[in-house]
Protein backbone atom coordinates (compact mmCIF):
# COMPACT_ATOMS: atom_id res chain seq x y z
CA UNK A 1 116.46 -44.55 171.28
CA UNK A 2 115.86 -44.55 167.56
CA UNK A 3 112.55 -45.98 166.75
CA UNK A 4 113.13 -45.86 162.96
CA UNK A 5 116.26 -48.16 163.00
CA UNK A 6 114.24 -51.35 162.06
CA UNK A 7 112.64 -49.73 159.21
CA UNK A 8 115.95 -48.38 157.76
CA UNK A 9 117.41 -51.93 158.07
CA UNK A 10 114.40 -53.32 155.90
CA UNK A 11 114.94 -50.53 153.30
CA UNK A 12 118.67 -51.12 153.20
CA UNK A 13 118.43 -54.75 152.69
CA UNK A 14 115.38 -55.93 150.73
CA UNK A 15 116.85 -59.50 150.38
CA UNK A 16 115.79 -60.02 153.91
CA UNK A 17 112.02 -59.83 153.04
CA UNK A 18 111.98 -61.28 149.48
CA UNK A 19 111.98 -65.02 148.88
CA UNK A 20 115.28 -66.62 147.74
CA UNK A 21 114.32 -67.03 144.08
CA UNK A 22 113.68 -63.23 143.77
CA UNK A 23 117.03 -62.46 145.74
CA UNK A 24 119.07 -64.52 143.19
CA UNK A 25 117.56 -62.64 140.28
CA UNK A 26 118.35 -59.21 141.97
CA UNK A 27 121.83 -60.01 143.12
CA UNK A 28 122.85 -61.60 139.98
CA UNK A 29 124.97 -59.61 137.56
CA UNK A 30 123.00 -60.60 134.46
CA UNK A 31 120.59 -57.87 133.55
CA UNK A 32 116.89 -58.90 133.18
CA UNK A 33 115.74 -59.06 129.79
CA UNK A 34 112.74 -56.94 128.73
CA UNK A 35 109.40 -58.35 127.93
CA UNK A 36 108.86 -58.89 124.13
CA UNK A 37 106.77 -56.10 122.52
CA UNK A 38 103.04 -56.97 122.18
CA UNK A 39 102.07 -58.59 119.02
CA UNK A 40 99.82 -56.65 116.62
CA UNK A 41 96.81 -58.35 115.36
CA UNK A 42 97.27 -58.18 111.60
CA UNK A 43 94.15 -59.45 109.52
CA UNK A 44 94.93 -62.77 107.77
CA UNK A 45 93.77 -63.32 104.11
CA UNK A 46 91.86 -66.57 103.93
CA UNK A 47 92.78 -67.05 100.28
CA UNK A 48 96.37 -66.66 100.91
CA UNK A 49 96.25 -68.99 103.79
CA UNK A 50 94.50 -71.53 101.64
CA UNK A 51 97.23 -71.26 98.96
CA UNK A 52 99.87 -71.85 101.44
CA UNK A 53 98.21 -74.82 102.88
CA UNK A 54 97.74 -76.29 99.22
CA UNK A 55 101.35 -75.79 98.50
CA UNK A 56 102.83 -77.66 101.39
CA UNK A 57 103.88 -81.23 100.82
CA UNK A 58 103.09 -84.26 103.00
CA UNK A 59 99.89 -86.32 104.19
CA UNK A 60 96.97 -84.21 105.10
CA UNK A 61 97.24 -85.43 108.83
CA UNK A 62 100.51 -83.75 109.21
CA UNK A 63 100.22 -80.52 107.09
CA UNK A 64 96.59 -79.70 107.86
CA UNK A 65 93.19 -80.84 106.37
CA UNK A 66 92.75 -81.94 102.89
CA UNK A 67 90.93 -79.68 100.69
CA UNK A 68 87.46 -80.71 99.72
CA UNK A 69 87.90 -80.05 96.09
CA UNK A 70 90.64 -82.76 95.94
CA UNK A 71 88.43 -85.45 97.55
CA UNK A 72 86.57 -87.34 94.63
CA UNK A 73 83.30 -88.46 96.28
CA UNK A 74 81.52 -91.77 95.95
CA UNK A 75 78.15 -91.58 94.24
CA UNK A 76 74.77 -93.21 95.18
CA UNK A 77 72.50 -93.18 92.09
CA UNK A 78 68.91 -93.72 92.99
CA UNK A 79 66.64 -94.18 89.83
CA UNK A 80 63.03 -94.26 90.98
CA UNK A 81 60.47 -95.06 88.19
CA UNK A 82 56.73 -96.02 88.34
CA UNK A 83 57.65 -99.59 88.19
CA UNK A 84 60.89 -100.32 90.01
CA UNK A 85 63.56 -98.68 92.09
CA UNK A 86 67.46 -99.10 91.12
CA UNK A 87 70.36 -97.98 93.53
CA UNK A 88 73.86 -97.96 92.24
CA UNK A 89 76.98 -97.22 94.23
CA UNK A 90 80.06 -95.99 92.33
CA UNK A 91 83.40 -95.01 93.38
CA UNK A 92 86.02 -92.57 91.72
CA UNK A 93 87.30 -94.20 88.51
CA UNK A 94 90.47 -96.05 89.06
CA UNK A 95 92.55 -98.40 86.91
CA UNK A 96 92.24 -102.20 87.15
CA UNK A 97 95.60 -103.81 88.07
CA UNK A 98 94.68 -106.94 86.15
CA UNK A 99 93.36 -105.09 82.94
CA UNK A 100 95.14 -101.74 82.71
CA UNK A 101 92.67 -100.75 79.92
CA UNK A 102 89.54 -101.06 82.05
CA UNK A 103 88.31 -98.72 84.94
CA UNK A 104 86.58 -100.02 88.07
CA UNK A 105 83.93 -97.64 89.26
CA UNK A 106 80.76 -99.62 89.99
CA UNK A 107 80.67 -101.12 93.49
CA UNK A 108 77.08 -102.39 93.78
CA UNK A 109 73.88 -102.14 91.64
CA UNK A 110 70.63 -103.51 93.05
CA UNK A 111 66.99 -103.21 92.36
CA UNK A 112 63.76 -104.06 93.99
CA UNK A 113 63.61 -107.41 92.19
CA UNK A 114 66.92 -108.51 93.63
CA UNK A 115 65.62 -108.62 97.10
CA UNK A 116 62.47 -110.66 96.39
CA UNK A 117 59.76 -108.26 95.18
CA UNK A 118 57.79 -109.41 92.07
CA UNK A 119 55.81 -107.60 89.38
CA UNK A 120 53.68 -104.74 90.69
CA UNK A 121 55.30 -104.82 94.16
CA UNK A 122 58.76 -103.52 92.73
CA UNK A 123 57.37 -100.02 92.38
CA UNK A 124 55.94 -99.86 95.83
CA UNK A 125 57.19 -97.49 98.71
CA UNK A 126 57.79 -100.50 100.83
CA UNK A 127 60.19 -101.98 98.13
CA UNK A 128 62.20 -98.80 97.83
CA UNK A 129 62.69 -98.65 101.66
CA UNK A 130 63.72 -102.19 102.06
CA UNK A 131 66.13 -101.89 99.09
CA UNK A 132 67.72 -98.84 100.50
CA UNK A 133 68.19 -100.51 103.85
CA UNK A 134 69.56 -103.52 102.14
CA UNK A 135 72.19 -101.43 100.29
CA UNK A 136 73.21 -99.61 103.36
CA UNK A 137 73.64 -102.85 105.23
CA UNK A 138 75.79 -104.18 102.36
CA UNK A 139 77.98 -101.15 102.47
CA UNK A 140 78.90 -101.80 106.25
CA UNK A 141 79.23 -105.68 105.62
CA UNK A 142 81.60 -105.51 102.70
CA UNK A 143 83.80 -102.83 104.40
CA UNK A 144 83.27 -100.19 101.96
CA UNK A 145 82.96 -97.53 104.79
CA UNK A 146 86.76 -97.39 105.16
CA UNK A 147 87.29 -95.84 101.81
CA UNK A 148 84.13 -93.81 101.62
CA UNK A 149 85.25 -90.30 102.64
CA UNK A 150 82.66 -88.35 100.73
CA UNK A 151 79.14 -89.42 99.34
CA UNK A 152 77.14 -87.66 96.71
CA UNK A 153 73.60 -88.75 96.17
CA UNK A 154 72.10 -88.43 92.79
CA UNK A 155 68.29 -88.59 92.40
CA UNK A 156 66.62 -89.46 89.25
CA UNK A 157 62.81 -90.03 88.52
CA UNK A 158 59.70 -89.37 90.60
CA UNK A 159 58.71 -92.74 91.73
CA UNK A 160 57.65 -93.91 95.22
CA UNK A 161 61.00 -95.25 95.82
CA UNK A 162 62.60 -91.67 95.61
CA UNK A 163 61.08 -90.62 99.00
CA UNK A 164 61.43 -94.23 100.42
CA UNK A 165 65.15 -94.09 100.04
CA UNK A 166 65.39 -90.58 101.26
CA UNK A 167 63.62 -91.77 104.46
CA UNK A 168 66.10 -94.67 104.88
CA UNK A 169 68.89 -92.40 104.69
CA UNK A 170 67.55 -90.04 107.23
CA UNK A 171 66.45 -93.05 109.54
CA UNK A 172 68.41 -95.45 111.71
CA UNK A 173 69.42 -97.44 108.80
CA UNK A 174 71.64 -94.45 107.41
CA UNK A 175 73.24 -93.30 110.61
CA UNK A 176 76.70 -94.16 109.41
CA UNK A 177 76.33 -92.89 105.90
CA UNK A 178 74.35 -89.84 106.57
CA UNK A 179 77.34 -87.77 108.10
CA UNK A 180 79.40 -88.51 104.88
CA UNK A 181 76.83 -87.06 102.39
CA UNK A 182 78.33 -83.91 100.86
CA UNK A 183 75.90 -83.04 98.26
CA UNK A 184 72.39 -84.01 96.84
CA UNK A 185 71.69 -83.65 93.22
CA UNK A 186 68.52 -84.21 90.97
CA UNK A 187 69.49 -85.79 87.57
CA UNK A 188 65.86 -86.24 86.40
CA UNK A 189 65.78 -85.86 82.45
CA UNK A 190 63.27 -83.47 81.28
CA UNK A 191 62.25 -83.15 77.73
CA UNK A 192 61.92 -79.87 75.87
CA UNK A 193 59.88 -80.60 72.76
CA UNK A 194 61.21 -84.00 71.58
CA UNK A 195 59.40 -86.93 70.30
CA UNK A 196 55.67 -87.22 70.65
CA UNK A 197 54.35 -88.82 74.03
CA UNK A 198 52.25 -91.92 73.91
CA UNK A 199 48.58 -91.31 73.94
CA UNK A 200 46.82 -91.29 77.35
CA UNK A 201 45.41 -94.61 78.57
CA UNK A 202 41.69 -94.82 78.56
CA UNK A 203 40.04 -97.06 81.23
CA UNK A 204 36.35 -97.99 80.89
């Protein structure tokens, strides 16, 4: 009796121990294709990639993100003086359809006097904070958040309203606008020489 006979049968007929999908691949006359060669990791130049993205045509949501340099930001000008605080919101200049020779850029311009503060109260910290909260609320109610993709904050002056508006933007009032701020600039005018300053005030 040959005890190695079952083993020889298995070796001679591998299809008896393999699943059907493997036997079809082995028995078919079509040769199996070799695996593709491994891809070499070549370094990518970021400058070349950026140029290719900018040369492609189509909307930004199809061909990739829009370059930040092509997005003209809205600007929030904060003019804080000793006696008052002014906030002006401007958009990128665009033509007026009704008057082609005129450009529309100022969306909103308010000061502490417009929200009810009188005389010396207009230069206080509370007036600046309430003015900033009112302007941020008006931006949402007028539907300006739809077109506001990037916001540039321009500070001018060293009044109490400067810090008050900053606190409002960082607080709960500015949670929608805060994520769209791209830069903060200081446009305070400094005098080098110039005209003579007024004499100091003497009290008592």
